[in-house]
N, C-alpha and C. Protein backbone atom coordinates (compact mmCIF):
# COMPACT_ATOMS: atom_id res chain seq x y z
N GLY A 1 12.45 -14.84 14.77
CA GLY A 1 12.69 -14.79 13.66
C GLY A 1 13.04 -13.77 13.20
N LYS A 2 13.82 -13.50 12.10
CA LYS A 2 14.44 -12.54 11.28
C LYS A 2 14.12 -11.33 11.40
N LYS A 3 12.93 -10.85 11.47
CA LYS A 3 11.98 -9.62 11.38
C LYS A 3 12.25 -9.02 12.74
N SER A 4 11.49 -9.97 13.32
CA SER A 4 11.15 -9.36 14.90
C SER A 4 12.58 -9.68 16.10
N GLY A 5 13.67 -10.51 15.65
CA GLY A 5 14.42 -10.02 16.64
C GLY A 5 14.24 -11.85 17.48
N HIS A 6 13.20 -11.96 17.81
CA HIS A 6 12.91 -13.09 18.53
C HIS A 6 12.08 -14.28 17.58
N GLY A 7 12.86 -15.91 18.42
CA GLY A 7 12.75 -16.64 17.53
C GLY A 7 13.94 -17.51 17.21
N VAL A 8 13.89 -18.47 16.23
CA VAL A 8 14.63 -19.11 16.12
C VAL A 8 16.18 -18.82 15.91
N TYR A 9 16.54 -17.68 15.32
CA TYR A 9 17.48 -16.69 15.11
C TYR A 9 17.59 -15.43 15.66
N ARG A 10 18.67 -15.14 16.80
CA ARG A 10 18.93 -13.74 17.76
C ARG A 10 20.39 -13.00 16.16
N TRP A 11 19.27 -11.97 15.98
CA TRP A 11 20.29 -10.93 15.47
C TRP A 11 20.23 -9.67 16.12
N PRO A 12 21.50 -9.23 15.99
CA PRO A 12 21.94 -8.65 16.80
C PRO A 12 21.23 -6.79 16.81
N ALA A 13 21.38 -6.08 17.85
CA ALA A 13 20.56 -4.95 17.80
C ALA A 13 20.75 -3.75 16.24
N GLU A 14 21.72 -4.08 15.95
CA GLU A 14 22.64 -3.17 14.73
C GLU A 14 21.61 -3.35 13.90
N THR A 15 20.73 -4.25 13.79
CA THR A 15 19.94 -4.96 12.27
C THR A 15 18.56 -4.71 12.67
N LEU A 16 18.23 -3.89 13.49
CA LEU A 16 16.55 -3.85 13.89
C LEU A 16 16.21 -2.48 13.07
N PRO A 17 14.85 -2.88 12.25
CA PRO A 17 14.54 -1.57 11.83
C PRO A 17 14.18 -0.32 11.84
N ASP A 18 14.38 0.36 10.77
CA ASP A 18 13.77 1.92 10.84
C ASP A 18 12.72 1.84 11.33
N ALA A 19 12.49 3.66 11.98
CA ALA A 19 11.10 3.69 12.52
C ALA A 19 9.95 3.86 11.73
N ALA A 20 8.69 3.22 11.77
CA ALA A 20 8.16 3.35 10.81
C ALA A 20 7.96 4.58 10.27
N LEU A 21 7.10 4.37 8.75
CA LEU A 21 7.08 6.03 8.44
C LEU A 21 5.29 6.28 9.08
N PRO A 22 5.59 7.55 8.54
CA PRO A 22 3.91 8.35 9.02
C PRO A 22 3.17 8.22 8.05
N PRO A 23 1.73 7.71 8.78
CA PRO A 23 0.73 7.03 8.23
C PRO A 23 0.56 8.30 6.52
N VAL A 24 -0.10 8.10 5.85
CA VAL A 24 -0.53 8.60 4.69
C VAL A 24 -1.57 9.61 4.73
N MET A 25 -2.28 9.33 5.89
CA MET A 25 -3.46 10.47 5.80
C MET A 25 -2.96 11.87 6.46
N ILE A 26 -1.97 11.77 6.93
CA ILE A 26 -1.14 13.21 7.46
C ILE A 26 -1.20 14.20 6.59
N GLY A 27 -2.03 15.14 6.65
CA GLY A 27 -1.60 16.19 5.57
C GLY A 27 -2.83 16.07 3.92
N ALA A 28 -3.05 14.42 3.58
CA ALA A 28 -4.10 14.76 2.87
C ALA A 28 -5.18 15.50 2.63
N GLU A 29 -5.31 16.06 1.37
CA GLU A 29 -6.19 17.03 1.32
C GLU A 29 -7.62 16.45 1.52
N SER A 30 -7.84 15.38 0.68
CA SER A 30 -9.31 14.58 0.29
C SER A 30 -9.18 13.14 0.52
N VAL A 31 -9.72 12.56 1.21
CA VAL A 31 -9.72 10.75 1.00
C VAL A 31 -11.13 10.81 0.42
N THR A 32 -11.24 9.97 -0.93
CA THR A 32 -12.82 9.82 -1.57
C THR A 32 -13.24 8.44 -1.70
N VAL A 33 -14.38 7.78 -1.10
CA VAL A 33 -14.63 6.22 -1.50
C VAL A 33 -15.21 6.26 -2.89
N ARG A 34 -15.08 5.79 -3.88
CA ARG A 34 -15.99 6.17 -5.14
C ARG A 34 -17.00 4.86 -5.36
N SER A 35 -16.08 3.78 -5.12
CA SER A 35 -16.78 2.42 -4.98
C SER A 35 -16.08 1.54 -3.70
N ASP A 36 -16.44 -0.06 -4.12
CA ASP A 36 -15.64 -0.88 -3.17
C ASP A 36 -14.28 -1.05 -3.89
N ASN A 37 -14.27 -0.69 -5.10
CA ASN A 37 -12.90 -0.58 -5.70
C ASN A 37 -12.31 0.06 -6.29
N VAL A 38 -12.69 1.90 -5.93
CA VAL A 38 -11.76 2.62 -6.21
C VAL A 38 -11.97 3.85 -5.20
N THR A 39 -10.97 4.33 -4.64
CA THR A 39 -10.76 5.10 -3.93
C THR A 39 -9.61 6.47 -4.41
N GLU A 40 -9.77 7.63 -3.93
CA GLU A 40 -9.19 8.93 -4.08
C GLU A 40 -8.28 9.42 -3.17
N LEU A 41 -7.04 9.27 -3.16
CA LEU A 41 -6.57 9.78 -2.11
C LEU A 41 -6.03 11.62 -2.58
N ASP A 42 -5.91 12.64 -2.19
CA ASP A 42 -6.19 13.91 -3.01
C ASP A 42 -6.05 13.17 -4.93
N ASP A 43 -4.63 13.46 -5.65
CA ASP A 43 -5.17 13.46 -6.86
C ASP A 43 -4.82 11.66 -7.24
N VAL A 44 -4.09 11.07 -6.60
CA VAL A 44 -4.17 9.85 -6.91
C VAL A 44 -5.29 8.94 -6.87
N LEU A 45 -5.60 7.68 -7.35
CA LEU A 45 -5.99 6.52 -7.75
C LEU A 45 -6.02 5.52 -7.21
N LEU A 46 -6.79 4.97 -6.47
CA LEU A 46 -6.46 3.30 -5.55
C LEU A 46 -7.40 2.44 -6.52
N LEU A 47 -6.55 1.86 -6.89
CA LEU A 47 -7.70 0.87 -7.83
C LEU A 47 -7.46 -0.53 -7.59
N GLU A 48 -9.04 -1.51 -7.64
CA GLU A 48 -8.53 -2.87 -7.19
C GLU A 48 -8.35 -3.38 -8.58
N THR A 49 -7.12 -3.99 -9.00
CA THR A 49 -6.48 -4.70 -10.02
C THR A 49 -7.73 -5.45 -11.10
N GLU A 50 -7.84 -5.19 -12.24
CA GLU A 50 -8.34 -5.80 -13.13
C GLU A 50 -7.94 -6.32 -14.40
N GLY A 51 -6.45 -6.39 -14.35
CA GLY A 51 -5.45 -6.96 -15.37
C GLY A 51 -5.06 -5.76 -15.95
N GLU A 52 -5.16 -4.51 -15.57
CA GLU A 52 -4.50 -3.12 -16.60
C GLU A 52 -3.34 -3.41 -15.76
N THR A 53 -2.48 -2.39 -16.13
CA THR A 53 -1.41 -2.15 -15.02
C THR A 53 -1.42 -0.57 -15.03
N ALA A 54 -0.96 -0.22 -13.62
CA ALA A 54 -0.69 0.65 -13.08
C ALA A 54 -0.50 1.93 -13.89
N LEU A 55 0.61 1.73 -15.29
CA LEU A 55 0.95 2.93 -15.86
C LEU A 55 -0.19 2.76 -17.16
N ALA A 56 -1.19 1.81 -17.43
CA ALA A 56 -2.08 2.11 -18.57
C ALA A 56 -3.31 2.64 -17.82
N LEU A 57 -3.50 2.14 -16.56
CA LEU A 57 -4.82 3.46 -15.83
C LEU A 57 -4.30 4.80 -15.68
N SER A 58 -3.07 5.06 -15.49
CA SER A 58 -2.66 6.07 -15.20
C SER A 58 -2.69 7.44 -16.70
N ILE A 59 -2.04 6.49 -17.78
CA ILE A 59 -2.49 7.56 -18.80
C ILE A 59 -3.76 7.16 -19.07
N LYS A 60 -4.60 6.56 -19.20
CA LYS A 60 -5.75 6.30 -19.21
C LYS A 60 -6.78 7.57 -18.69
N HIS A 61 -6.16 7.48 -17.48
CA HIS A 61 -7.32 8.67 -16.27
C HIS A 61 -6.18 9.91 -16.03
N HIS A 62 -5.38 10.01 -16.73
CA HIS A 62 -4.44 11.22 -16.48
C HIS A 62 -4.29 11.75 -15.32
N ARG A 63 -4.01 10.98 -14.49
CA ARG A 63 -3.41 10.87 -12.87
C ARG A 63 -2.66 9.65 -12.82
N PRO A 64 -1.90 9.95 -11.21
CA PRO A 64 -1.36 8.71 -10.66
C PRO A 64 -2.29 7.76 -10.62
N VAL A 65 -1.98 6.50 -10.78
CA VAL A 65 -2.54 5.37 -10.06
C VAL A 65 -1.87 4.27 -8.76
N VAL A 66 -2.72 3.73 -7.89
CA VAL A 66 -1.93 2.57 -7.67
C VAL A 66 -3.22 1.61 -7.83
N VAL A 67 -2.25 0.23 -8.07
CA VAL A 67 -3.33 -1.10 -8.43
C VAL A 67 -3.12 -2.04 -7.16
N TYR A 68 -3.88 -2.59 -6.69
CA TYR A 68 -3.72 -3.22 -5.61
C TYR A 68 -4.64 -4.92 -5.97
N ASP A 69 -4.29 -6.13 -5.30
CA ASP A 69 -4.85 -7.07 -5.46
C ASP A 69 -5.75 -6.88 -4.33
N LEU A 70 -6.75 -7.73 -4.60
CA LEU A 70 -7.74 -8.14 -3.43
C LEU A 70 -7.29 -8.96 -2.48
N CYS A 71 -7.15 -9.09 -1.48
CA CYS A 71 -6.71 -10.08 0.02
C CYS A 71 -7.51 -10.80 0.44
N ALA A 72 -8.26 -12.05 0.26
CA ALA A 72 -9.51 -12.53 0.64
C ALA A 72 -9.46 -12.69 2.31
N SER A 73 -7.88 -13.15 2.92
CA SER A 73 -7.90 -13.24 4.39
C SER A 73 -6.52 -12.03 4.76
N ASP A 74 -6.56 -12.50 6.37
CA ASP A 74 -5.55 -11.84 6.87
C ASP A 74 -4.17 -12.26 6.28
N THR A 75 -4.42 -13.80 6.03
CA THR A 75 -3.25 -14.37 5.61
C THR A 75 -2.01 -13.61 4.32
N VAL A 76 -1.03 -13.33 4.60
CA VAL A 76 -0.16 -13.19 3.48
C VAL A 76 0.84 -14.16 3.49
N VAL A 77 1.17 -14.40 1.93
CA VAL A 77 2.12 -15.88 1.59
C VAL A 77 3.40 -14.97 0.93
């Protein structure tokens, strides 16, 4: 396929993706799990969505916030 270069369509080598970025954990001062849906990574809050935007939560908590949606399976559409 288009992403791997193997499959229905063949894509030239010059379209290969760049190397992956390093993991976030390298150099992180601390990772703290507060509950099943709240994690802190340095000064950033990682929160499972409950309907509020990341901007609204960032203003509320006075710090950077990343909001994610719960994935019930390994399948992403």
